[in-house]
């Protein structure tokens, strides 16, 4: 593929969703317009779910806001947001799971890893 037609994938970590939702919202808008994709790894959804009841430093509130936003993206079928399916992940280390998500993206899009 040429670089002008290459689709870009932005894989988000839990920290971005907790600490900078305005950036995420803008990135989703741009991705919808430009044909790119924001990828949400399964582990990130699990981490947000685990954080939603936390009372420390508004983390719980931010996690709930992120979950609500992602649910809205899913309901509206935003083409710019892709959710990794839960596929029986092969590791317990969260960052390794995110790397496995990158592998999944490459396999789904016939890209070299």
C-alpha atoms as a PDB file:
ATOM      1  CA  UNK A   1       0.000   0.000   0.000  1.00  0.00           C
ATOM      2  CA  UNK A   2       1.147   3.518  -0.604  1.00  0.00           C
ATOM      3  CA  UNK A   3       1.516   5.802   2.389  1.00  0.00           C
ATOM      4  CA  UNK A   4      -1.387   7.968   1.172  1.00  0.00           C
ATOM      5  CA  UNK A   5      -3.816   5.031   1.344  1.00  0.00           C
ATOM      6  CA  UNK A   6      -2.344   3.274   4.354  1.00  0.00           C
ATOM      7  CA  UNK A   7      -4.719   2.999   7.270  1.00  0.00           C
ATOM      8  CA  UNK A   8      -3.275   4.037  10.626  1.00  0.00           C
ATOM      9  CA  UNK A   9      -4.137   2.294  13.878  1.00  0.00           C
ATOM     10  CA  UNK A  10      -3.848   4.041  17.223  1.00  0.00           C
ATOM     11  CA  UNK A  11      -3.863   1.598  20.136  1.00  0.00           C
ATOM     12  CA  UNK A  12      -4.918   3.299  23.347  1.00  0.00           C
ATOM     13  CA  UNK A  13      -3.679   2.463  26.799  1.00  0.00           C
ATOM     14  CA  UNK A  14      -5.808   2.828  29.920  1.00  0.00           C
ATOM     15  CA  UNK A  15      -3.806   5.878  31.055  1.00  0.00           C
ATOM     16  CA  UNK A  16      -4.761   7.907  27.992  1.00  0.00           C
ATOM     17  CA  UNK A  17      -8.446   7.179  28.549  1.00  0.00           C
ATOM     18  CA  UNK A  18      -8.176   8.093  32.247  1.00  0.00           C
ATOM     19  CA  UNK A  19      -6.076  11.236  31.936  1.00  0.00           C
ATOM     20  CA  UNK A  20      -6.918  12.858  28.582  1.00  0.00           C
ATOM     21  CA  UNK A  21     -10.424  12.130  27.292  1.00  0.00           C
ATOM     22  CA  UNK A  22     -10.495  15.369  25.291  1.00  0.00           C
ATOM     23  CA  UNK A  23      -7.512  14.070  23.289  1.00  0.00           C
ATOM     24  CA  UNK A  24      -9.282  10.716  22.788  1.00  0.00           C
ATOM     25  CA  UNK A  25     -12.489  12.408  21.615  1.00  0.00           C
ATOM     26  CA  UNK A  26     -10.565  14.547  19.120  1.00  0.00           C
ATOM     27  CA  UNK A  27      -8.587  11.539  17.903  1.00  0.00           C
ATOM     28  CA  UNK A  28     -11.824   9.592  17.311  1.00  0.00           C
ATOM     29  CA  UNK A  29     -13.301  12.490  15.314  1.00  0.00           C
ATOM     30  CA  UNK A  30     -10.184  12.718  13.160  1.00  0.00           C
ATOM     31  CA  UNK A  31     -10.026   8.966  12.701  1.00  0.00           C
ATOM     32  CA  UNK A  32     -13.650   8.856  11.550  1.00  0.00           C
ATOM     33  CA  UNK A  33     -12.885  11.582   8.999  1.00  0.00           C
ATOM     34  CA  UNK A  34      -9.577  10.210   7.759  1.00  0.00           C
ATOM     35  CA  UNK A  35     -10.313   6.478   7.708  1.00  0.00           C
ATOM     36  CA  UNK A  36      -7.963   5.589  10.552  1.00  0.00           C
ATOM     37  CA  UNK A  37      -8.843   3.475  13.580  1.00  0.00           C
ATOM     38  CA  UNK A  38      -8.609   3.826  17.325  1.00  0.00           C
ATOM     39  CA  UNK A  39      -8.114   0.370  18.804  1.00  0.00           C
ATOM     40  CA  UNK A  40      -9.227  -0.468  22.324  1.00  0.00           C
ATOM     41  CA  UNK A  41      -7.508  -3.607  23.620  1.00  0.00           C
ATOM     42  CA  UNK A  42      -9.602  -6.024  25.678  1.00  0.00           C
ATOM     43  CA  UNK A  43      -7.264  -5.565  28.665  1.00  0.00           C
ATOM     44  CA  UNK A  44      -7.954  -1.818  28.645  1.00  0.00           C
ATOM     45  CA  UNK A  45     -11.694  -2.473  28.962  1.00  0.00           C
ATOM     46  CA  UNK A  46     -10.978  -4.821  31.870  1.00  0.00           C
ATOM     47  CA  UNK A  47      -8.740  -2.263  33.576  1.00  0.00           C
ATOM     48  CA  UNK A  48     -11.326   0.513  33.182  1.00  0.00           C
ATOM     49  CA  UNK A  49     -13.970  -1.759  34.653  1.00  0.00           C
ATOM     50  CA  UNK A  50     -11.721  -2.456  37.634  1.00  0.00           C
ATOM     51  CA  UNK A  51     -11.007   1.244  38.162  1.00  0.00           C
ATOM     52  CA  UNK A  52     -14.567   2.553  37.936  1.00  0.00           C
ATOM     53  CA  UNK A  53     -15.182   2.263  41.706  1.00  0.00           C
ATOM     54  CA  UNK A  54     -11.839   3.773  42.751  1.00  0.00           C
ATOM     55  CA  UNK A  55     -12.141   6.967  44.805  1.00  0.00           C
ATOM     56  CA  UNK A  56      -8.494   8.037  44.600  1.00  0.00           C
ATOM     57  CA  UNK A  57      -7.771  11.247  42.646  1.00  0.00           C
ATOM     58  CA  UNK A  58     -10.986  11.062  40.591  1.00  0.00           C
ATOM     59  CA  UNK A  59      -9.708   7.931  38.832  1.00  0.00           C
ATOM     60  CA  UNK A  60     -13.062   6.171  39.271  1.00  0.00           C
ATOM     61  CA  UNK A  61     -14.944   9.115  37.803  1.00  0.00           C
ATOM     62  CA  UNK A  62     -12.551   9.281  34.856  1.00  0.00           C
ATOM     63  CA  UNK A  63     -12.852   5.523  34.277  1.00  0.00           C
ATOM     64  CA  UNK A  64     -16.656   5.755  34.249  1.00  0.00           C
ATOM     65  CA  UNK A  65     -16.501   8.670  31.809  1.00  0.00           C
ATOM     66  CA  UNK A  66     -14.197   6.671  29.527  1.00  0.00           C
ATOM     67  CA  UNK A  67     -16.470   3.615  29.706  1.00  0.00           C
ATOM     68  CA  UNK A  68     -19.529   5.734  28.896  1.00  0.00           C
ATOM     69  CA  UNK A  69     -17.752   7.317  25.938  1.00  0.00           C
ATOM     70  CA  UNK A  70     -16.611   3.947  24.578  1.00  0.00           C
ATOM     71  CA  UNK A  71     -20.121   2.530  24.958  1.00  0.00           C
ATOM     72  CA  UNK A  72     -21.464   5.502  23.030  1.00  0.00           C
ATOM     73  CA  UNK A  73     -18.893   4.891  20.273  1.00  0.00           C
ATOM     74  CA  UNK A  74     -19.979   1.279  20.109  1.00  0.00           C
ATOM     75  CA  UNK A  75     -23.698   2.152  20.021  1.00  0.00           C
ATOM     76  CA  UNK A  76     -23.177   4.736  17.291  1.00  0.00           C
ATOM     77  CA  UNK A  77     -21.047   2.211  15.389  1.00  0.00           C
ATOM     78  CA  UNK A  78     -18.263   4.724  15.021  1.00  0.00           C
ATOM     79  CA  UNK A  79     -16.070   3.441  12.210  1.00  0.00           C
ATOM     80  CA  UNK A  80     -13.062   5.035  13.873  1.00  0.00           C
ATOM     81  CA  UNK A  81     -13.184   2.831  16.984  1.00  0.00           C
ATOM     82  CA  UNK A  82     -12.306  -0.868  16.940  1.00  0.00           C
ATOM     83  CA  UNK A  83     -12.645  -3.106  19.983  1.00  0.00           C
ATOM     84  CA  UNK A  84     -10.323  -6.074  20.267  1.00  0.00           C
ATOM     85  CA  UNK A  85     -12.351  -9.227  20.868  1.00  0.00           C
ATOM     86  CA  UNK A  86     -11.666 -11.309  23.963  1.00  0.00           C
ATOM     87  CA  UNK A  87      -9.808 -14.179  22.392  1.00  0.00           C
ATOM     88  CA  UNK A  88      -8.406 -16.159  25.307  1.00  0.00           C
ATOM     89  CA  UNK A  89      -5.291 -14.078  25.777  1.00  0.00           C
ATOM     90  CA  UNK A  90      -2.020 -15.905  26.265  1.00  0.00           C
ATOM     91  CA  UNK A  91      -0.387 -13.789  28.993  1.00  0.00           C
ATOM     92  CA  UNK A  92      -1.229 -12.156  32.301  1.00  0.00           C
ATOM     93  CA  UNK A  93       1.056  -9.123  31.870  1.00  0.00           C
ATOM     94  CA  UNK A  94      -1.163  -6.177  30.793  1.00  0.00           C
ATOM     95  CA  UNK A  95       1.452  -4.540  28.553  1.00  0.00           C
ATOM     96  CA  UNK A  96       2.063  -7.879  26.834  1.00  0.00           C
ATOM     97  CA  UNK A  97      -1.658  -8.109  26.182  1.00  0.00           C
ATOM     98  CA  UNK A  98      -1.508  -4.730  24.447  1.00  0.00           C
ATOM     99  CA  UNK A  99       1.351  -6.015  22.301  1.00  0.00           C
ATOM    100  CA  UNK A 100      -0.765  -9.064  21.442  1.00  0.00           C
ATOM    101  CA  UNK A 101      -3.495  -6.639  20.391  1.00  0.00           C
ATOM    102  CA  UNK A 102      -1.033  -5.105  17.930  1.00  0.00           C
ATOM    103  CA  UNK A 103      -0.352  -8.573  16.581  1.00  0.00           C
ATOM    104  CA  UNK A 104      -4.105  -9.112  16.190  1.00  0.00           C
ATOM    105  CA  UNK A 105      -4.418  -5.837  14.237  1.00  0.00           C
ATOM    106  CA  UNK A 106      -1.657  -6.911  11.868  1.00  0.00           C
ATOM    107  CA  UNK A 107      -3.229 -10.318  11.314  1.00  0.00           C
ATOM    108  CA  UNK A 108      -6.678  -8.836  10.722  1.00  0.00           C
ATOM    109  CA  UNK A 109      -5.296  -6.334   8.212  1.00  0.00           C
ATOM    110  CA  UNK A 110      -2.727  -8.520   6.468  1.00  0.00           C
ATOM    111  CA  UNK A 111       0.149  -6.381   7.698  1.00  0.00           C
ATOM    112  CA  UNK A 112       3.652  -7.535   8.602  1.00  0.00           C
ATOM    113  CA  UNK A 113       4.303  -7.770  12.340  1.00  0.00           C
END
